[in-house]
Amino acid sequence: MSQSSKDLIESVLRSTAEGGKFVFGLEEVLESVKSSKLVVYSSSAPHGNVSRIVEACAAASVPSVAYDGSSLDLGRVCRKPFRVSAVAIKTPGAVDLTPLLGSSGKKQ
């Protein structure tokens, strides 16, 4: 993932945290994937968890993007004081997700 893609993901997540709706955590994301616009998961999440997220997103035709950072970094971007392995964006608020989806080679 290029630095610009990482910056774009961080910008979208920060803006969503301010004005949109999202859920975080593996089980919560898996339960709500069908009604999500985008799922972002930490590249440091265990491989089995990543596989479950990617498979659920593919089955629901929801794009997924790997965040090139730790779960702690992803939590900080989402303005949470704990580790976040995955985030499902339900409504992005005023943020346009199109540039993120178009620039990422990791979408599923």
N, C-alpha and C. Protein backbone atom coordinates (compact mmCIF):
# COMPACT_ATOMS: atom_id res chain seq x y z
N MET A 1 0.85 -1.17 0.00
CA MET A 1 0.00 0.00 0.00
C MET A 1 0.89 1.23 0.00
N SER A 2 0.60 2.15 -0.86
CA SER A 2 1.39 3.36 -0.92
C SER A 2 1.00 4.29 0.23
N GLN A 3 1.87 5.23 0.51
CA GLN A 3 1.60 6.19 1.59
C GLN A 3 0.36 7.01 1.29
N SER A 4 0.15 7.35 0.01
CA SER A 4 -1.03 8.14 -0.32
C SER A 4 -2.32 7.35 -0.09
N SER A 5 -2.30 6.04 -0.34
CA SER A 5 -3.47 5.21 -0.07
C SER A 5 -3.73 5.13 1.43
N LYS A 6 -2.66 4.98 2.20
CA LYS A 6 -2.81 4.93 3.65
C LYS A 6 -3.37 6.25 4.16
N ASP A 7 -2.84 7.36 3.65
CA ASP A 7 -3.34 8.68 4.05
C ASP A 7 -4.81 8.85 3.68
N LEU A 8 -5.19 8.36 2.53
CA LEU A 8 -6.58 8.46 2.08
C LEU A 8 -7.50 7.65 2.99
N ILE A 9 -7.09 6.43 3.35
CA ILE A 9 -7.87 5.61 4.27
C ILE A 9 -8.01 6.32 5.61
N GLU A 10 -6.91 6.85 6.13
CA GLU A 10 -6.95 7.56 7.41
C GLU A 10 -7.88 8.77 7.35
N SER A 11 -7.83 9.51 6.25
CA SER A 11 -8.70 10.68 6.09
C SER A 11 -10.17 10.27 6.09
N VAL A 12 -10.49 9.21 5.35
CA VAL A 12 -11.87 8.73 5.29
C VAL A 12 -12.33 8.27 6.66
N LEU A 13 -11.50 7.52 7.37
CA LEU A 13 -11.89 7.01 8.68
C LEU A 13 -12.06 8.14 9.70
N ARG A 14 -11.17 9.12 9.66
CA ARG A 14 -11.30 10.25 10.59
C ARG A 14 -12.59 11.03 10.32
N SER A 15 -12.88 11.26 9.05
CA SER A 15 -14.10 11.99 8.69
C SER A 15 -15.35 11.20 9.04
N THR A 16 -15.29 9.90 8.84
CA THR A 16 -16.42 9.05 9.19
C THR A 16 -16.64 9.05 10.69
N ALA A 17 -15.54 9.06 11.45
CA ALA A 17 -15.66 9.10 12.92
C ALA A 17 -16.34 10.38 13.38
N GLU A 18 -16.19 11.45 12.62
CA GLU A 18 -16.80 12.73 12.99
C GLU A 18 -18.26 12.83 12.58
N GLY A 19 -18.61 12.35 11.38
CA GLY A 19 -19.97 12.59 10.90
C GLY A 19 -20.70 11.39 10.35
N GLY A 20 -20.07 10.25 10.31
CA GLY A 20 -20.73 9.08 9.75
C GLY A 20 -21.03 8.04 10.81
N LYS A 21 -21.40 6.87 10.34
CA LYS A 21 -21.68 5.77 11.25
C LYS A 21 -20.81 4.59 10.87
N PHE A 22 -20.26 3.95 11.89
CA PHE A 22 -19.44 2.78 11.64
C PHE A 22 -19.48 1.86 12.84
N VAL A 23 -19.11 0.62 12.61
CA VAL A 23 -18.97 -0.34 13.70
C VAL A 23 -17.55 -0.88 13.62
N PHE A 24 -17.04 -1.32 14.75
CA PHE A 24 -15.69 -1.84 14.76
C PHE A 24 -15.63 -3.10 15.60
N GLY A 25 -14.61 -3.89 15.36
CA GLY A 25 -14.44 -5.17 16.02
C GLY A 25 -14.83 -6.29 15.07
N LEU A 26 -14.12 -7.38 15.15
CA LEU A 26 -14.30 -8.48 14.20
C LEU A 26 -15.74 -8.99 14.15
N GLU A 27 -16.29 -9.39 15.28
CA GLU A 27 -17.63 -9.98 15.28
C GLU A 27 -18.69 -8.98 14.85
N GLU A 28 -18.59 -7.75 15.30
CA GLU A 28 -19.56 -6.72 14.93
C GLU A 28 -19.51 -6.43 13.43
N VAL A 29 -18.31 -6.38 12.89
CA VAL A 29 -18.16 -6.15 11.45
C VAL A 29 -18.76 -7.31 10.67
N LEU A 30 -18.45 -8.53 11.07
CA LEU A 30 -18.99 -9.70 10.36
C LEU A 30 -20.52 -9.73 10.40
N GLU A 31 -21.11 -9.30 11.50
CA GLU A 31 -22.57 -9.27 11.61
C GLU A 31 -23.21 -8.18 10.75
N SER A 32 -22.48 -7.11 10.49
CA SER A 32 -23.09 -5.98 9.79
C SER A 32 -22.54 -5.75 8.39
N VAL A 33 -21.81 -6.71 7.86
CA VAL A 33 -21.16 -6.50 6.56
C VAL A 33 -22.17 -6.24 5.44
N LYS A 34 -23.33 -6.88 5.48
CA LYS A 34 -24.31 -6.72 4.40
C LYS A 34 -24.84 -5.30 4.27
N SER A 35 -24.87 -4.57 5.36
CA SER A 35 -25.39 -3.21 5.32
C SER A 35 -24.28 -2.16 5.33
N SER A 36 -23.07 -2.57 5.02
CA SER A 36 -21.92 -1.67 5.03
C SER A 36 -21.57 -1.19 3.64
N LYS A 37 -20.93 -0.04 3.58
CA LYS A 37 -20.45 0.52 2.32
C LYS A 37 -19.02 0.07 2.03
N LEU A 38 -18.24 -0.12 3.11
CA LEU A 38 -16.82 -0.45 2.98
C LEU A 38 -16.36 -1.06 4.30
N VAL A 39 -15.45 -2.03 4.21
CA VAL A 39 -14.83 -2.61 5.39
C VAL A 39 -13.33 -2.39 5.29
N VAL A 40 -12.75 -1.88 6.38
CA VAL A 40 -11.31 -1.67 6.47
C VAL A 40 -10.80 -2.57 7.60
N TYR A 41 -9.76 -3.35 7.31
CA TYR A 41 -9.19 -4.23 8.32
C TYR A 41 -7.70 -3.99 8.44
N SER A 42 -7.18 -4.22 9.63
CA SER A 42 -5.77 -4.03 9.90
C SER A 42 -4.96 -5.14 9.25
N SER A 43 -3.86 -4.78 8.63
CA SER A 43 -2.99 -5.79 8.02
C SER A 43 -2.29 -6.64 9.06
N SER A 44 -2.32 -6.20 10.33
CA SER A 44 -1.68 -6.98 11.39
C SER A 44 -2.66 -7.94 12.07
N ALA A 45 -3.91 -7.94 11.63
CA ALA A 45 -4.90 -8.86 12.21
C ALA A 45 -4.50 -10.29 11.85
N PRO A 46 -4.83 -11.25 12.69
CA PRO A 46 -4.51 -12.65 12.38
C PRO A 46 -5.09 -13.07 11.04
N HIS A 47 -4.32 -13.88 10.31
CA HIS A 47 -4.70 -14.29 8.96
C HIS A 47 -6.10 -14.91 8.91
N GLY A 48 -6.43 -15.72 9.90
CA GLY A 48 -7.76 -16.35 9.93
C GLY A 48 -8.87 -15.32 10.01
N ASN A 49 -8.67 -14.28 10.79
CA ASN A 49 -9.67 -13.21 10.90
C ASN A 49 -9.79 -12.43 9.60
N VAL A 50 -8.66 -12.15 8.98
CA VAL A 50 -8.68 -11.44 7.70
C VAL A 50 -9.43 -12.26 6.66
N SER A 51 -9.18 -13.55 6.64
CA SER A 51 -9.87 -14.43 5.69
C SER A 51 -11.38 -14.40 5.90
N ARG A 52 -11.81 -14.42 7.15
CA ARG A 52 -13.24 -14.37 7.44
C ARG A 52 -13.85 -13.05 6.96
N ILE A 53 -13.14 -11.95 7.17
CA ILE A 53 -13.63 -10.64 6.75
C ILE A 53 -13.72 -10.58 5.23
N VAL A 54 -12.67 -10.98 4.55
CA VAL A 54 -12.63 -10.91 3.09
C VAL A 54 -13.70 -11.80 2.48
N GLU A 55 -13.89 -13.00 3.02
CA GLU A 55 -14.92 -13.91 2.50
C GLU A 55 -16.32 -13.35 2.72
N ALA A 56 -16.57 -12.78 3.90
CA ALA A 56 -17.89 -12.20 4.17
C ALA A 56 -18.16 -11.01 3.24
N CYS A 57 -17.14 -10.20 3.01
CA CYS A 57 -17.30 -9.05 2.11
C CYS A 57 -17.55 -9.50 0.68
N ALA A 58 -16.82 -10.51 0.24
CA ALA A 58 -17.01 -11.02 -1.12
C ALA A 58 -18.41 -11.59 -1.29
N ALA A 59 -18.89 -12.31 -0.30
CA ALA A 59 -20.23 -12.90 -0.37
C ALA A 59 -21.31 -11.82 -0.41
N ALA A 60 -21.08 -10.70 0.24
CA ALA A 60 -22.06 -9.61 0.29
C ALA A 60 -21.79 -8.54 -0.76
N SER A 61 -20.77 -8.72 -1.59
CA SER A 61 -20.37 -7.74 -2.60
C SER A 61 -20.07 -6.37 -1.99
N VAL A 62 -19.37 -6.40 -0.86
CA VAL A 62 -18.95 -5.18 -0.17
C VAL A 62 -17.44 -5.07 -0.31
N PRO A 63 -16.92 -3.93 -0.74
CA PRO A 63 -15.47 -3.80 -0.87
C PRO A 63 -14.78 -3.83 0.49
N SER A 64 -13.59 -4.42 0.50
CA SER A 64 -12.78 -4.44 1.72
C SER A 64 -11.39 -3.93 1.37
N VAL A 65 -10.78 -3.25 2.33
CA VAL A 65 -9.48 -2.63 2.11
C VAL A 65 -8.58 -2.95 3.30
N ALA A 66 -7.35 -3.34 3.02
CA ALA A 66 -6.38 -3.58 4.09
C ALA A 66 -5.73 -2.25 4.48
N TYR A 67 -5.69 -1.99 5.77
CA TYR A 67 -5.02 -0.81 6.29
C TYR A 67 -3.61 -1.21 6.66
N ASP A 68 -2.64 -0.55 6.09
CA ASP A 68 -1.23 -0.90 6.31
C ASP A 68 -0.75 -0.30 7.63
N GLY A 69 -1.16 -0.94 8.70
CA GLY A 69 -0.79 -0.50 10.03
C GLY A 69 -1.30 -1.51 11.04
N SER A 70 -0.92 -1.32 12.27
CA SER A 70 -1.33 -2.24 13.32
C SER A 70 -2.77 -1.98 13.74
N SER A 71 -3.31 -2.89 14.52
CA SER A 71 -4.66 -2.72 15.06
C SER A 71 -4.71 -1.52 16.00
N LEU A 72 -3.63 -1.26 16.69
CA LEU A 72 -3.56 -0.08 17.56
C LEU A 72 -3.59 1.19 16.73
N ASP A 73 -2.85 1.21 15.61
CA ASP A 73 -2.87 2.36 14.70
C ASP A 73 -4.27 2.60 14.15
N LEU A 74 -4.94 1.51 13.76
CA LEU A 74 -6.30 1.63 13.22
C LEU A 74 -7.25 2.18 14.29
N GLY A 75 -7.08 1.74 15.52
CA GLY A 75 -7.88 2.29 16.61
C GLY A 75 -7.65 3.78 16.80
N ARG A 76 -6.42 4.20 16.72
CA ARG A 76 -6.10 5.62 16.88
C ARG A 76 -6.71 6.46 15.76
N VAL A 77 -6.66 5.94 14.54
CA VAL A 77 -7.26 6.65 13.41
C VAL A 77 -8.76 6.82 13.62
N CYS A 78 -9.39 5.80 14.21
CA CYS A 78 -10.83 5.84 14.48
C CYS A 78 -11.16 6.58 15.78
N ARG A 79 -10.13 7.13 16.40
CA ARG A 79 -10.27 7.89 17.64
C ARG A 79 -10.78 7.02 18.80
N LYS A 80 -10.25 5.82 18.85
CA LYS A 80 -10.56 4.88 19.93
C LYS A 80 -9.27 4.59 20.68
N PRO A 81 -9.33 4.50 22.02
CA PRO A 81 -8.11 4.28 22.79
C PRO A 81 -7.75 2.80 22.95
N PHE A 82 -8.10 1.99 21.97
CA PHE A 82 -7.82 0.56 22.03
C PHE A 82 -7.63 0.01 20.62
N ARG A 83 -7.22 -1.25 20.55
CA ARG A 83 -6.97 -1.91 19.26
C ARG A 83 -8.29 -2.13 18.52
N VAL A 84 -8.24 -1.91 17.20
CA VAL A 84 -9.39 -2.15 16.34
C VAL A 84 -8.89 -2.98 15.17
N SER A 85 -9.41 -4.19 15.04
CA SER A 85 -8.95 -5.06 13.96
C SER A 85 -9.69 -4.80 12.66
N ALA A 86 -10.94 -4.32 12.76
CA ALA A 86 -11.73 -4.07 11.55
C ALA A 86 -12.76 -2.98 11.81
N VAL A 87 -13.08 -2.26 10.76
CA VAL A 87 -14.08 -1.19 10.80
C VAL A 87 -15.01 -1.36 9.61
N ALA A 88 -16.30 -1.34 9.85
CA ALA A 88 -17.29 -1.36 8.78
C ALA A 88 -17.94 0.02 8.71
N ILE A 89 -17.79 0.67 7.59
CA ILE A 89 -18.40 1.99 7.41
C ILE A 89 -19.83 1.79 6.92
N LYS A 90 -20.77 2.23 7.74
CA LYS A 90 -22.19 2.11 7.41
C LYS A 90 -22.64 3.29 6.57
N THR A 91 -22.40 4.49 7.08
CA THR A 91 -22.66 5.72 6.33
C THR A 91 -21.42 6.60 6.49
N PRO A 92 -20.84 7.03 5.39
CA PRO A 92 -19.59 7.77 5.47
C PRO A 92 -19.74 9.24 5.85
N GLY A 93 -20.94 9.71 6.03
CA GLY A 93 -21.11 11.13 6.33
C GLY A 93 -20.86 11.94 5.08
N ALA A 94 -20.09 13.00 5.20
CA ALA A 94 -19.82 13.89 4.08
C ALA A 94 -18.65 13.42 3.22
N VAL A 95 -18.11 12.25 3.51
CA VAL A 95 -16.93 11.76 2.81
C VAL A 95 -17.33 10.96 1.58
N ASP A 96 -16.62 11.18 0.49
CA ASP A 96 -16.82 10.42 -0.74
C ASP A 96 -15.86 9.23 -0.73
N LEU A 97 -16.40 8.02 -0.77
CA LEU A 97 -15.57 6.81 -0.74
C LEU A 97 -15.00 6.44 -2.10
N THR A 98 -15.47 7.05 -3.17
CA THR A 98 -15.05 6.69 -4.52
C THR A 98 -13.53 6.77 -4.73
N PRO A 99 -12.84 7.84 -4.30
CA PRO A 99 -11.39 7.87 -4.51
C PRO A 99 -10.66 6.74 -3.78
N LEU A 100 -11.14 6.39 -2.63
CA LEU A 100 -10.52 5.31 -1.87
C LEU A 100 -10.70 3.98 -2.59
N LEU A 101 -11.87 3.73 -3.07
CA LEU A 101 -12.14 2.47 -3.77
C LEU A 101 -11.40 2.40 -5.09
N GLY A 102 -11.24 3.55 -5.75
CA GLY A 102 -10.55 3.56 -7.03
C GLY A 102 -9.04 3.47 -6.90
N SER A 103 -8.47 3.92 -5.78
CA SER A 103 -7.01 3.96 -5.66
C SER A 103 -6.42 2.73 -5.00
N SER A 104 -7.24 1.90 -4.41
CA SER A 104 -6.72 0.78 -3.66
C SER A 104 -6.72 -0.49 -4.48
N GLY A 105 -5.57 -1.12 -4.56
CA GLY A 105 -5.46 -2.41 -5.21
C GLY A 105 -5.89 -3.53 -4.31
N LYS A 106 -6.22 -3.24 -3.05
CA LYS A 106 -6.59 -4.26 -2.08
C LYS A 106 -8.08 -4.44 -1.95
N LYS A 107 -8.87 -3.72 -2.73
CA LYS A 107 -10.31 -3.88 -2.55
C LYS A 107 -10.72 -5.27 -3.02
N GLN A 108 -11.75 -5.77 -2.39
CA GLN A 108 -12.23 -7.12 -2.69
C GLN A 108 -13.64 -7.03 -3.21
